[in-house]
C-alpha atoms as a PDB file:
ATOM      1  CA  MET A   1      60.979  78.876  94.770  1.00  0.00           C
ATOM      2  CA  LYS A   2      63.742  76.946  96.535  1.00  0.00           C
ATOM      3  CA  LYS A   3      66.408  79.113  94.870  1.00  0.00           C
ATOM      4  CA  ILE A   4      64.657  82.289  95.954  1.00  0.00           C
ATOM      5  CA  LEU A   5      64.450  81.093  99.554  1.00  0.00           C
ATOM      6  CA  LEU A   6      68.133  80.114  99.568  1.00  0.00           C
ATOM      7  CA  ALA A   7      69.128  83.481  98.088  1.00  0.00           C
ATOM      8  CA  LEU A   8      67.016  85.300 100.678  1.00  0.00           C
ATOM      9  CA  LEU A   9      68.441  83.216 103.516  1.00  0.00           C
ATOM     10  CA  PHE A  10      72.000  83.837 102.333  1.00  0.00           C
ATOM     11  CA  THR A  11      71.407  87.594 102.000  1.00  0.00           C
ATOM     12  CA  CYS A  12      69.844  87.840 105.461  1.00  0.00           C
ATOM     13  CA  SER A  13      72.508  85.752 107.160  1.00  0.00           C
ATOM     14  CA  THR A  14      75.398  87.696 105.665  1.00  0.00           C
ATOM     15  CA  ASN A  15      73.788  90.997 106.622  1.00  0.00           C
ATOM     16  CA  VAL A  16      73.200  89.860 110.182  1.00  0.00           C
ATOM     17  CA  PHE A  17      76.716  88.560 110.765  1.00  0.00           C
ATOM     18  CA  ALA A  18      78.790  90.960 108.670  1.00  0.00           C
ATOM     19  CA  THR A  19      79.980  93.961 110.622  1.00  0.00           C
ATOM     20  CA  MET A  20      80.491  97.008 108.501  1.00  0.00           C
ATOM     21  CA  ILE A  21      83.299  99.258 109.645  1.00  0.00           C
ATOM     22  CA  ALA A  22      82.087 102.833 109.569  1.00  0.00           C
ATOM     23  CA  PRO A  23      83.741 105.027 106.952  1.00  0.00           C
ATOM     24  CA  SER A  24      84.923 107.408 109.689  1.00  0.00           C
ATOM     25  CA  THR A  25      86.633 104.494 111.471  1.00  0.00           C
ATOM     26  CA  GLN A  26      88.267 103.362 108.230  1.00  0.00           C
ATOM     27  CA  GLN A  27      89.473 106.924 107.687  1.00  0.00           C
ATOM     28  CA  GLU A  28      90.931 107.143 111.195  1.00  0.00           C
ATOM     29  CA  ILE A  29      92.758 103.833 110.855  1.00  0.00           C
ATOM     30  CA  GLN A  30      94.197 104.817 107.496  1.00  0.00           C
ATOM     31  CA  TYR A  31      95.294 108.127 109.015  1.00  0.00           C
ATOM     32  CA  LEU A  32      97.110 106.281 111.820  1.00  0.00           C
ATOM     33  CA  LEU A  33      98.871 103.964 109.384  1.00  0.00           C
ATOM     34  CA  LYS A  34      99.891 106.894 107.159  1.00  0.00           C
ATOM     35  CA  ALA A  35     101.080 108.852 110.218  1.00  0.00           C
ATOM     36  CA  LEU A  36     103.341 105.952 111.150  1.00  0.00           C
ATOM     37  CA  GLU A  37     104.502 105.450 107.569  1.00  0.00           C
ATOM     38  CA  SER A  38     105.437 109.109 107.103  1.00  0.00           C
ATOM     39  CA  SER A  39     107.166 109.394 110.487  1.00  0.00           C
ATOM     40  CA  ASP A  40     110.867 109.019 111.177  1.00  0.00           C
ATOM     41  CA  CYS A  41     110.041 106.473 113.853  1.00  0.00           C
ATOM     42  CA  LYS A  42     111.211 102.894 114.225  1.00  0.00           C
ATOM     43  CA  PHE A  43     108.859 100.061 115.127  1.00  0.00           C
ATOM     44  CA  ASN A  44     109.801  97.142 117.367  1.00  0.00           C
ATOM     45  CA  ARG A  45     108.066  93.889 116.587  1.00  0.00           C
ATOM     46  CA  ASN A  46     109.135  90.706 118.374  1.00  0.00           C
ATOM     47  CA  GLY A  47     112.531  92.113 119.311  1.00  0.00           C
ATOM     48  CA  SER A  48     113.465  93.500 115.889  1.00  0.00           C
ATOM     49  CA  TRP A  49     113.324  97.151 114.819  1.00  0.00           C
ATOM     50  CA  TYR A  50     111.704  97.999 111.492  1.00  0.00           C
ATOM     51  CA  GLY A  51     111.383 101.180 109.513  1.00  0.00           C
ATOM     52  CA  ALA A  52     108.092 103.065 109.572  1.00  0.00           C
ATOM     53  CA  THR A  53     107.148 102.114 106.012  1.00  0.00           C
ATOM     54  CA  GLU A  54     107.629  98.400 106.634  1.00  0.00           C
ATOM     55  CA  ALA A  55     105.799  98.607 109.959  1.00  0.00           C
ATOM     56  CA  SER A  56     102.866 100.424 108.387  1.00  0.00           C
ATOM     57  CA  ALA A  57     102.639  97.806 105.619  1.00  0.00           C
ATOM     58  CA  HIS A  58     102.611  95.035 108.232  1.00  0.00           C
ATOM     59  CA  LEU A  59      99.835  96.735 110.204  1.00  0.00           C
ATOM     60  CA  GLN A  60      97.869  97.351 106.999  1.00  0.00           C
ATOM     61  CA  LYS A  61      97.868  93.593 106.371  1.00  0.00           C
ATOM     62  CA  LYS A  62      96.726  92.970 109.945  1.00  0.00           C
ATOM     63  CA  TYR A  63      93.981  95.564 109.543  1.00  0.00           C
ATOM     64  CA  LYS A  64      92.715  93.915 106.361  1.00  0.00           C
ATOM     65  CA  TYR A  65      92.674  90.490 108.007  1.00  0.00           C
ATOM     66  CA  LEU A  66      90.899  91.758 111.127  1.00  0.00           C
ATOM     67  CA  ALA A  67      88.367  93.743 109.103  1.00  0.00           C
ATOM     68  CA  ASP A  68      87.689  90.839 106.732  1.00  0.00           C
ATOM     69  CA  HIS A  69      86.984  88.581 109.714  1.00  0.00           C
ATOM     70  CA  ASN A  70      84.867  91.142 111.585  1.00  0.00           C
ATOM     71  CA  TYR A  71      87.222  91.301 114.563  1.00  0.00           C
ATOM     72  CA  ILE A  72      87.196  95.087 114.784  1.00  0.00           C
ATOM     73  CA  SER A  73      84.500  97.739 114.721  1.00  0.00           C
ATOM     74  CA  THR A  74      86.204 100.866 116.072  1.00  0.00           C
ATOM     75  CA  THR A  75      89.562 102.541 115.726  1.00  0.00           C
ATOM     76  CA  GLU A  76      90.272 101.705 119.351  1.00  0.00           C
ATOM     77  CA  SER A  77      89.525  98.024 118.755  1.00  0.00           C
ATOM     78  CA  PHE A  78      92.012  98.026 115.882  1.00  0.00           C
ATOM     79  CA  ILE A  79      94.633  99.612 118.140  1.00  0.00           C
ATOM     80  CA  ASP A  80      93.944  97.060 120.886  1.00  0.00           C
ATOM     81  CA  ILE A  81      93.762  93.959 118.718  1.00  0.00           C
ATOM     82  CA  GLY A  82      96.001  94.748 115.760  1.00  0.00           C
ATOM     83  CA  ALA A  83      98.376  97.613 116.433  1.00  0.00           C
ATOM     84  CA  SER A  84      99.513  97.087 120.005  1.00  0.00           C
ATOM     85  CA  LYS A  85     101.004  93.604 120.132  1.00  0.00           C
ATOM     86  CA  SER A  86     102.139  90.653 118.090  1.00  0.00           C
ATOM     87  CA  SER A  87      99.418  88.130 117.429  1.00  0.00           C
ATOM     88  CA  ALA A  88     102.136  85.466 117.186  1.00  0.00           C
ATOM     89  CA  SER A  89     104.059  86.115 120.407  1.00  0.00           C
ATOM     90  CA  GLY A  90     101.761  88.414 122.390  1.00  0.00           C
ATOM     91  CA  LYS A  91     104.664  90.851 122.916  1.00  0.00           C
ATOM     92  CA  ALA A  92     103.825  94.547 122.912  1.00  0.00           C
ATOM     93  CA  TYR A  93     104.963  96.557 119.922  1.00  0.00           C
ATOM     94  CA  GLU A  94     107.069  99.655 120.563  1.00  0.00           C
ATOM     95  CA  VAL A  95     107.605 102.889 118.674  1.00  0.00           C
ATOM     96  CA  LYS A  96     110.803 104.924 118.949  1.00  0.00           C
ATOM     97  CA  CYS A  97     110.936 108.373 117.398  1.00  0.00           C
ATOM     98  CA  GLY A  98     114.280 110.123 117.141  1.00  0.00           C
ATOM     99  CA  ASP A  99     116.274 110.140 120.376  1.00  0.00           C
ATOM    100  CA  SER A 100     113.234 109.613 122.588  1.00  0.00           C
ATOM    101  CA  LYS A 101     112.699 106.475 124.637  1.00  0.00           C
ATOM    102  CA  PRO A 102     110.572 103.752 123.040  1.00  0.00           C
ATOM    103  CA  VAL A 103     106.897 103.788 123.980  1.00  0.00           C
ATOM    104  CA  GLU A 104     104.336 101.055 123.573  1.00  0.00           C
ATOM    105  CA  SER A 105     102.697 101.394 120.189  1.00  0.00           C
ATOM    106  CA  LYS A 106      99.273 101.368 121.822  1.00  0.00           C
ATOM    107  CA  GLN A 107     100.064 104.649 123.544  1.00  0.00           C
ATOM    108  CA  TRP A 108     101.652 106.104 120.401  1.00  0.00           C
ATOM    109  CA  PHE A 109      98.541 105.295 118.350  1.00  0.00           C
ATOM    110  CA  ILE A 110      96.151 106.563 121.023  1.00  0.00           C
ATOM    111  CA  ASN A 111      98.052 109.860 121.218  1.00  0.00           C
ATOM    112  CA  THR A 112      98.093 110.162 117.420  1.00  0.00           C
ATOM    113  CA  LEU A 113      94.358 109.420 117.284  1.00  0.00           C
ATOM    114  CA  LYS A 114      93.622 112.075 119.942  1.00  0.00           C
ATOM    115  CA  THR A 115      95.608 114.630 117.953  1.00  0.00           C
ATOM    116  CA  TYR A 116      93.777 113.682 114.753  1.00  0.00           C
ATOM    117  CA  ARG A 117      90.358 113.962 116.371  1.00  0.00           C
ATOM    118  CA  THR A 118      91.216 117.294 117.991  1.00  0.00           C
ATOM    119  CA  GLU A 119      92.530 118.780 114.743  1.00  0.00           C
ATOM    120  CA  LYS A 120      89.594 117.409 112.766  1.00  0.00           C
ATOM    121  CA  HIS A 121      87.057 119.078 115.054  1.00  0.00           C
ATOM    122  CA  ASP A 122      88.814 122.426 115.476  1.00  0.00           C
END
């Protein structure tokens, strides 16, 4: 009986505290990371410029960590917490595409998300 109660308590407590990220949110985040990875853009993190593939891999690791620890629940929360600034230094990330001026990654991801949502619903 004690084992059954412990198993029930464990199951209930993990269900109460575990936040499931909606499949549509997971899909949006993966789209954003793939959009960055397949772009010709550069990514500034803590004063150093990285290629899009390396930047996307870094953000994928941050996404996994944040998701595993229930720190995000929406695509926007991932952008705010994981994709807009360094968790180590607090400095904003930047994205530079071609000859254009660098923009804060938060804005780049928001714009990319808006485009994705518009195209998905058209």
